[in-house]
Amino acid sequence: MPILSGAQITMEVLVKEGVEHIFGYPGGAIMPIYDAMLDYNIHHVLTRHEQGAAHAADGYARASGEVGV
């Protein structure tokens, strides 16, 4: 069994839970997640601010009935 980083484990869990979209603003401590995201079939929606990402994820969840991340 390969050793996975925390970012890879996070992405594995999101994929297993059926997450297809992630809303966010890259930078700083979250960059390992963004690096790991390249290896997974999850669509990233770039926002211009963290609050915008939270509101977009909430709107996505309400409109689609899926988890907003």
PDB file of N, CA and C in Angstrom:
ATOM      1  N   MET A   1       0.848  -1.179   0.000  1.00  0.00           N
ATOM      2  CA  MET A   1       0.000   0.000   0.000  1.00  0.00           C
ATOM      3  C   MET A   1       0.894   1.243   0.000  1.00  0.00           C
ATOM      4  N   PRO A   2       0.675   2.151  -0.948  1.00  0.00           N
ATOM      5  CA  PRO A   2       1.519   3.344  -1.009  1.00  0.00           C
ATOM      6  C   PRO A   2       1.224   4.299   0.151  1.00  0.00           C
ATOM      7  N   ILE A   3       2.212   5.068   0.502  1.00  0.00           N
ATOM      8  CA  ILE A   3       2.034   6.090   1.535  1.00  0.00           C
ATOM      9  C   ILE A   3       1.436   7.326   0.868  1.00  0.00           C
ATOM     10  N   LEU A   4       0.317   7.789   1.398  1.00  0.00           N
ATOM     11  CA  LEU A   4      -0.366   8.948   0.840  1.00  0.00           C
ATOM     12  C   LEU A   4      -0.173  10.161   1.737  1.00  0.00           C
ATOM     13  N   SER A   5      -0.116  11.322   1.107  1.00  0.00           N
ATOM     14  CA  SER A   5      -0.051  12.570   1.873  1.00  0.00           C
ATOM     15  C   SER A   5      -1.453  12.910   2.383  1.00  0.00           C
ATOM     16  N   GLY A   6      -1.518  13.846   3.279  1.00  0.00           N
ATOM     17  CA  GLY A   6      -2.816  14.295   3.779  1.00  0.00           C
ATOM     18  C   GLY A   6      -3.689  14.854   2.668  1.00  0.00           C
ATOM     19  N   ALA A   7      -3.071  15.559   1.725  1.00  0.00           N
ATOM     20  CA  ALA A   7      -3.818  16.114   0.593  1.00  0.00           C
ATOM     21  C   ALA A   7      -4.384  15.004  -0.278  1.00  0.00           C
ATOM     22  N   GLN A   8      -3.604  13.964  -0.516  1.00  0.00           N
ATOM     23  CA  GLN A   8      -4.079  12.843  -1.326  1.00  0.00           C
ATOM     24  C   GLN A   8      -5.217  12.100  -0.619  1.00  0.00           C
ATOM     25  N   ILE A   9      -5.090  11.923   0.676  1.00  0.00           N
ATOM     26  CA  ILE A   9      -6.159  11.274   1.442  1.00  0.00           C
ATOM     27  C   ILE A   9      -7.441  12.105   1.362  1.00  0.00           C
ATOM     28  N   THR A  10      -7.307  13.411   1.485  1.00  0.00           N
ATOM     29  CA  THR A  10      -8.464  14.301   1.379  1.00  0.00           C
ATOM     30  C   THR A  10      -9.146  14.139   0.031  1.00  0.00           C
ATOM     31  N   MET A  11      -8.365  14.119  -1.039  1.00  0.00           N
ATOM     32  CA  MET A  11      -8.932  13.968  -2.377  1.00  0.00           C
ATOM     33  C   MET A  11      -9.582  12.598  -2.552  1.00  0.00           C
ATOM     34  N   GLU A  12      -8.958  11.550  -2.021  1.00  0.00           N
ATOM     35  CA  GLU A  12      -9.530  10.196  -2.105  1.00  0.00           C
ATOM     36  C   GLU A  12     -10.905  10.156  -1.434  1.00  0.00           C
ATOM     37  N   VAL A  13     -11.014  10.772  -0.273  1.00  0.00           N
ATOM     38  CA  VAL A  13     -12.288  10.785   0.457  1.00  0.00           C
ATOM     39  C   VAL A  13     -13.342  11.574  -0.321  1.00  0.00           C
ATOM     40  N   LEU A  14     -12.958  12.725  -0.866  1.00  0.00           N
ATOM     41  CA  LEU A  14     -13.915  13.521  -1.634  1.00  0.00           C
ATOM     42  C   LEU A  14     -14.425  12.750  -2.847  1.00  0.00           C
ATOM     43  N   VAL A  15     -13.531  12.066  -3.547  1.00  0.00           N
ATOM     44  CA  VAL A  15     -13.936  11.266  -4.708  1.00  0.00           C
ATOM     45  C   VAL A  15     -14.874  10.140  -4.277  1.00  0.00           C
ATOM     46  N   LYS A  16     -14.534   9.455  -3.199  1.00  0.00           N
ATOM     47  CA  LYS A  16     -15.383   8.358  -2.713  1.00  0.00           C
ATOM     48  C   LYS A  16     -16.763   8.846  -2.289  1.00  0.00           C
ATOM     49  N   GLU A  17     -16.845  10.087  -1.838  1.00  0.00           N
ATOM     50  CA  GLU A  17     -18.126  10.665  -1.432  1.00  0.00           C
ATOM     51  C   GLU A  17     -18.897  11.256  -2.613  1.00  0.00           C
ATOM     52  N   GLY A  18     -18.325  11.179  -3.810  1.00  0.00           N
ATOM     53  CA  GLY A  18     -19.025  11.639  -5.006  1.00  0.00           C
ATOM     54  C   GLY A  18     -18.893  13.111  -5.316  1.00  0.00           C
ATOM     55  N   VAL A  19     -17.945  13.792  -4.701  1.00  0.00           N
ATOM     56  CA  VAL A  19     -17.749  15.216  -4.962  1.00  0.00           C
ATOM     57  C   VAL A  19     -17.186  15.387  -6.369  1.00  0.00           C
ATOM     58  N   GLU A  20     -17.824  16.250  -7.163  1.00  0.00           N
ATOM     59  CA  GLU A  20     -17.380  16.500  -8.532  1.00  0.00           C
ATOM     60  C   GLU A  20     -16.886  17.921  -8.741  1.00  0.00           C
ATOM     61  N   HIS A  21     -17.252  18.836  -7.842  1.00  0.00           N
ATOM     62  CA  HIS A  21     -16.863  20.241  -7.967  1.00  0.00           C
ATOM     63  C   HIS A  21     -16.320  20.745  -6.633  1.00  0.00           C
ATOM     64  N   ILE A  22     -15.272  21.541  -6.723  1.00  0.00           N
ATOM     65  CA  ILE A  22     -14.712  22.205  -5.545  1.00  0.00           C
ATOM     66  C   ILE A  22     -14.618  23.694  -5.861  1.00  0.00           C
ATOM     67  N   PHE A  23     -15.136  24.516  -4.976  1.00  0.00           N
ATOM     68  CA  PHE A  23     -15.085  25.962  -5.128  1.00  0.00           C
ATOM     69  C   PHE A  23     -13.977  26.481  -4.224  1.00  0.00           C
ATOM     70  N   GLY A  24     -13.129  27.346  -4.749  1.00  0.00           N
ATOM     71  CA  GLY A  24     -12.066  27.813  -3.883  1.00  0.00           C
ATOM     72  C   GLY A  24     -11.188  28.892  -4.468  1.00  0.00           C
ATOM     73  N   TYR A  25     -10.286  29.320  -3.626  1.00  0.00           N
ATOM     74  CA  TYR A  25      -9.329  30.370  -3.939  1.00  0.00           C
ATOM     75  C   TYR A  25      -7.961  29.860  -3.501  1.00  0.00           C
ATOM     76  N   PRO A  26      -7.091  29.494  -4.448  1.00  0.00           N
ATOM     77  CA  PRO A  26      -5.812  28.877  -4.084  1.00  0.00           C
ATOM     78  C   PRO A  26      -4.833  29.859  -3.446  1.00  0.00           C
ATOM     79  N   GLY A  27      -4.001  29.320  -2.570  1.00  0.00           N
ATOM     80  CA  GLY A  27      -2.948  30.115  -1.960  1.00  0.00           C
ATOM     81  C   GLY A  27      -2.629  29.646  -0.556  1.00  0.00           C
ATOM     82  N   GLY A  28      -1.378  29.770  -0.189  1.00  0.00           N
ATOM     83  CA  GLY A  28      -0.959  29.457   1.169  1.00  0.00           C
ATOM     84  C   GLY A  28      -1.035  27.993   1.526  1.00  0.00           C
ATOM     85  N   ALA A  29      -1.582  27.727   2.689  1.00  0.00           N
ATOM     86  CA  ALA A  29      -1.568  26.379   3.266  1.00  0.00           C
ATOM     87  C   ALA A  29      -2.415  25.372   2.486  1.00  0.00           C
ATOM     88  N   ILE A  30      -3.331  25.830   1.636  1.00  0.00           N
ATOM     89  CA  ILE A  30      -4.208  24.916   0.895  1.00  0.00           C
ATOM     90  C   ILE A  30      -3.555  24.394  -0.388  1.00  0.00           C
ATOM     91  N   MET A  31      -2.383  24.892  -0.751  1.00  0.00           N
ATOM     92  CA  MET A  31      -1.758  24.522  -2.024  1.00  0.00           C
ATOM     93  C   MET A  31      -1.504  23.021  -2.188  1.00  0.00           C
ATOM     94  N   PRO A  32      -1.154  22.260  -1.151  1.00  0.00           N
ATOM     95  CA  PRO A  32      -1.004  20.812  -1.362  1.00  0.00           C
ATOM     96  C   PRO A  32      -2.292  20.145  -1.852  1.00  0.00           C
ATOM     97  N   ILE A  33      -3.439  20.648  -1.422  1.00  0.00           N
ATOM     98  CA  ILE A  33      -4.719  20.121  -1.908  1.00  0.00           C
ATOM     99  C   ILE A  33      -4.851  20.406  -3.402  1.00  0.00           C
ATOM    100  N   TYR A  34      -4.500  21.615  -3.809  1.00  0.00           N
ATOM    101  CA  TYR A  34      -4.585  21.974  -5.228  1.00  0.00           C
ATOM    102  C   TYR A  34      -3.612  21.146  -6.061  1.00  0.00           C
ATOM    103  N   ASP A  35      -2.437  20.893  -5.539  1.00  0.00           N
ATOM    104  CA  ASP A  35      -1.473  20.042  -6.248  1.00  0.00           C
ATOM    105  C   ASP A  35      -2.019  18.627  -6.403  1.00  0.00           C
ATOM    106  N   ALA A  36      -2.607  18.080  -5.349  1.00  0.00           N
ATOM    107  CA  ALA A  36      -3.163  16.724  -5.397  1.00  0.00           C
ATOM    108  C   ALA A  36      -4.386  16.658  -6.305  1.00  0.00           C
ATOM    109  N   MET A  37      -5.134  17.745  -6.400  1.00  0.00           N
ATOM    110  CA  MET A  37      -6.352  17.772  -7.207  1.00  0.00           C
ATOM    111  C   MET A  37      -6.073  17.470  -8.682  1.00  0.00           C
ATOM    112  N   LEU A  38      -4.870  17.749  -9.137  1.00  0.00           N
ATOM    113  CA  LEU A  38      -4.512  17.509 -10.538  1.00  0.00           C
ATOM    114  C   LEU A  38      -4.613  16.039 -10.916  1.00  0.00           C
ATOM    115  N   ASP A  39      -4.488  15.150  -9.948  1.00  0.00           N
ATOM    116  CA  ASP A  39      -4.515  13.709 -10.209  1.00  0.00           C
ATOM    117  C   ASP A  39      -5.915  13.103 -10.089  1.00  0.00           C
ATOM    118  N   TYR A  40      -6.926  13.939  -9.873  1.00  0.00           N
ATOM    119  CA  TYR A  40      -8.281  13.437  -9.659  1.00  0.00           C
ATOM    120  C   TYR A  40      -9.253  14.134 -10.600  1.00  0.00           C
ATOM    121  N   ASN A  41     -10.356  13.466 -10.867  1.00  0.00           N
ATOM    122  CA  ASN A  41     -11.363  13.994 -11.780  1.00  0.00           C
ATOM    123  C   ASN A  41     -12.378  14.847 -11.017  1.00  0.00           C
ATOM    124  N   ILE A  42     -11.890  15.950 -10.474  1.00  0.00           N
ATOM    125  CA  ILE A  42     -12.740  16.902  -9.765  1.00  0.00           C
ATOM    126  C   ILE A  42     -12.541  18.265 -10.416  1.00  0.00           C
ATOM    127  N   HIS A  43     -13.655  18.920 -10.737  1.00  0.00           N
ATOM    128  CA  HIS A  43     -13.611  20.227 -11.397  1.00  0.00           C
ATOM    129  C   HIS A  43     -13.465  21.329 -10.344  1.00  0.00           C
ATOM    130  N   HIS A  44     -12.491  22.206 -10.555  1.00  0.00           N
ATOM    131  CA  HIS A  44     -12.282  23.331  -9.640  1.00  0.00           C
ATOM    132  C   HIS A  44     -12.949  24.576 -10.200  1.00  0.00           C
ATOM    133  N   VAL A  45     -13.694  25.268  -9.364  1.00  0.00           N
ATOM    134  CA  VAL A  45     -14.310  26.535  -9.737  1.00  0.00           C
ATOM    135  C   VAL A  45     -13.570  27.628  -8.977  1.00  0.00           C
ATOM    136  N   LEU A  46     -12.841  28.451  -9.715  1.00  0.00           N
ATOM    137  CA  LEU A  46     -12.043  29.518  -9.113  1.00  0.00           C
ATOM    138  C   LEU A  46     -12.930  30.688  -8.717  1.00  0.00           C
ATOM    139  N   THR A  47     -12.787  31.110  -7.477  1.00  0.00           N
ATOM    140  CA  THR A  47     -13.485  32.302  -6.999  1.00  0.00           C
ATOM    141  C   THR A  47     -12.446  33.371  -6.709  1.00  0.00           C
ATOM    142  N   ARG A  48     -12.894  34.556  -6.447  1.00  0.00           N
ATOM    143  CA  ARG A  48     -11.968  35.669  -6.188  1.00  0.00           C
ATOM    144  C   ARG A  48     -11.784  35.963  -4.699  1.00  0.00           C
ATOM    145  N   HIS A  49     -12.532  35.231  -3.859  1.00  0.00           N
ATOM    146  CA  HIS A  49     -12.465  35.485  -2.423  1.00  0.00           C
ATOM    147  C   HIS A  49     -13.003  34.256  -1.696  1.00  0.00           C
ATOM    148  N   GLU A  50     -12.503  33.997  -0.494  1.00  0.00           N
ATOM    149  CA  GLU A  50     -12.952  32.823   0.262  1.00  0.00           C
ATOM    150  C   GLU A  50     -14.452  32.853   0.544  1.00  0.00           C
ATOM    151  N   GLN A  51     -14.976  34.031   0.858  1.00  0.00           N
ATOM    152  CA  GLN A  51     -16.417  34.131   1.112  1.00  0.00           C
ATOM    153  C   GLN A  51     -17.210  33.786  -0.136  1.00  0.00           C
ATOM    154  N   GLY A  52     -16.700  34.219  -1.284  1.00  0.00           N
ATOM    155  CA  GLY A  52     -17.360  33.891  -2.545  1.00  0.00           C
ATOM    156  C   GLY A  52     -17.397  32.390  -2.771  1.00  0.00           C
ATOM    157  N   ALA A  53     -16.314  31.701  -2.403  1.00  0.00           N
ATOM    158  CA  ALA A  53     -16.260  30.244  -2.553  1.00  0.00           C
ATOM    159  C   ALA A  53     -17.299  29.575  -1.659  1.00  0.00           C
ATOM    160  N   ALA A  54     -17.419  30.056  -0.437  1.00  0.00           N
ATOM    161  CA  ALA A  54     -18.397  29.476   0.489  1.00  0.00           C
ATOM    162  C   ALA A  54     -19.822  29.693  -0.011  1.00  0.00           C
ATOM    163  N   HIS A  55     -20.108  30.893  -0.505  1.00  0.00           N
ATOM    164  CA  HIS A  55     -21.449  31.176  -1.021  1.00  0.00           C
ATOM    165  C   HIS A  55     -21.730  30.370  -2.289  1.00  0.00           C
ATOM    166  N   ALA A  56     -20.728  30.231  -3.156  1.00  0.00           N
ATOM    167  CA  ALA A  56     -20.903  29.444  -4.380  1.00  0.00           C
ATOM    168  C   ALA A  56     -21.160  27.977  -4.045  1.00  0.00           C
ATOM    169  N   ALA A  57     -20.413  27.433  -3.096  1.00  0.00           N
ATOM    170  CA  ALA A  57     -20.610  26.037  -2.696  1.00  0.00           C
ATOM    171  C   ALA A  57     -22.000  25.848  -2.085  1.00  0.00           C
ATOM    172  N   ASP A  58     -22.444  26.818  -1.298  1.00  0.00           N
ATOM    173  CA  ASP A  58     -23.780  26.749  -0.709  1.00  0.00           C
ATOM    174  C   ASP A  58     -24.852  26.791  -1.797  1.00  0.00           C
ATOM    175  N   GLY A  59     -24.706  27.709  -2.734  1.00  0.00           N
ATOM    176  CA  GLY A  59     -25.669  27.807  -3.830  1.00  0.00           C
ATOM    177  C   GLY A  59     -25.694  26.552  -4.683  1.00  0.00           C
ATOM    178  N   TYR A  60     -24.516  25.998  -4.942  1.00  0.00           N
ATOM    179  CA  TYR A  60     -24.418  24.759  -5.714  1.00  0.00           C
ATOM    180  C   TYR A  60     -25.147  23.626  -4.992  1.00  0.00           C
ATOM    181  N   ALA A  61     -24.939  23.527  -3.693  1.00  0.00           N
ATOM    182  CA  ALA A  61     -25.580  22.470  -2.906  1.00  0.00           C
ATOM    183  C   ALA A  61     -27.100  22.632  -2.910  1.00  0.00           C
ATOM    184  N   ARG A  62     -27.564  23.846  -2.750  1.00  0.00           N
ATOM    185  CA  ARG A  62     -29.015  24.091  -2.723  1.00  0.00           C
ATOM    186  C   ARG A  62     -29.657  23.805  -4.086  1.00  0.00           C
ATOM    187  N   ALA A  63     -28.963  24.196  -5.163  1.00  0.00           N
ATOM    188  CA  ALA A  63     -29.526  24.031  -6.506  1.00  0.00           C
ATOM    189  C   ALA A  63     -29.441  22.596  -7.014  1.00  0.00           C
ATOM    190  N   SER A  64     -28.371  21.896  -6.655  1.00  0.00           N
ATOM    191  CA  SER A  64     -28.132  20.561  -7.218  1.00  0.00           C
ATOM    192  C   SER A  64     -28.544  19.421  -6.287  1.00  0.00           C
ATOM    193  N   GLY A  65     -28.610  19.708  -4.992  1.00  0.00           N
ATOM    194  CA  GLY A  65     -28.880  18.649  -4.025  1.00  0.00           C
ATOM    195  C   GLY A  65     -27.658  17.811  -3.702  1.00  0.00           C
ATOM    196  N   GLU A  66     -26.507  18.206  -4.225  1.00  0.00           N
ATOM    197  CA  GLU A  66     -25.248  17.512  -3.954  1.00  0.00           C
ATOM    198  C   GLU A  66     -24.452  18.290  -2.912  1.00  0.00           C
ATOM    199  N   VAL A  67     -23.376  17.695  -2.454  1.00  0.00           N
ATOM    200  CA  VAL A  67     -22.523  18.356  -1.470  1.00  0.00           C
ATOM    201  C   VAL A  67     -21.773  19.503  -2.139  1.00  0.00           C
ATOM    202  N   GLY A  68     -21.748  20.654  -1.499  1.00  0.00           N
ATOM    203  CA  GLY A  68     -20.974  21.795  -1.977  1.00  0.00           C
ATOM    204  C   GLY A  68     -19.689  21.898  -1.187  1.00  0.00           C
ATOM    205  N   VAL A  69     -18.555  21.832  -1.895  1.00  0.00           N
ATOM    206  CA  VAL A  69     -17.245  21.883  -1.228  1.00  0.00           C
ATOM    207  C   VAL A  69     -16.492  23.096  -1.724  1.00  0.00           C
TER     208      VAL A  69
END
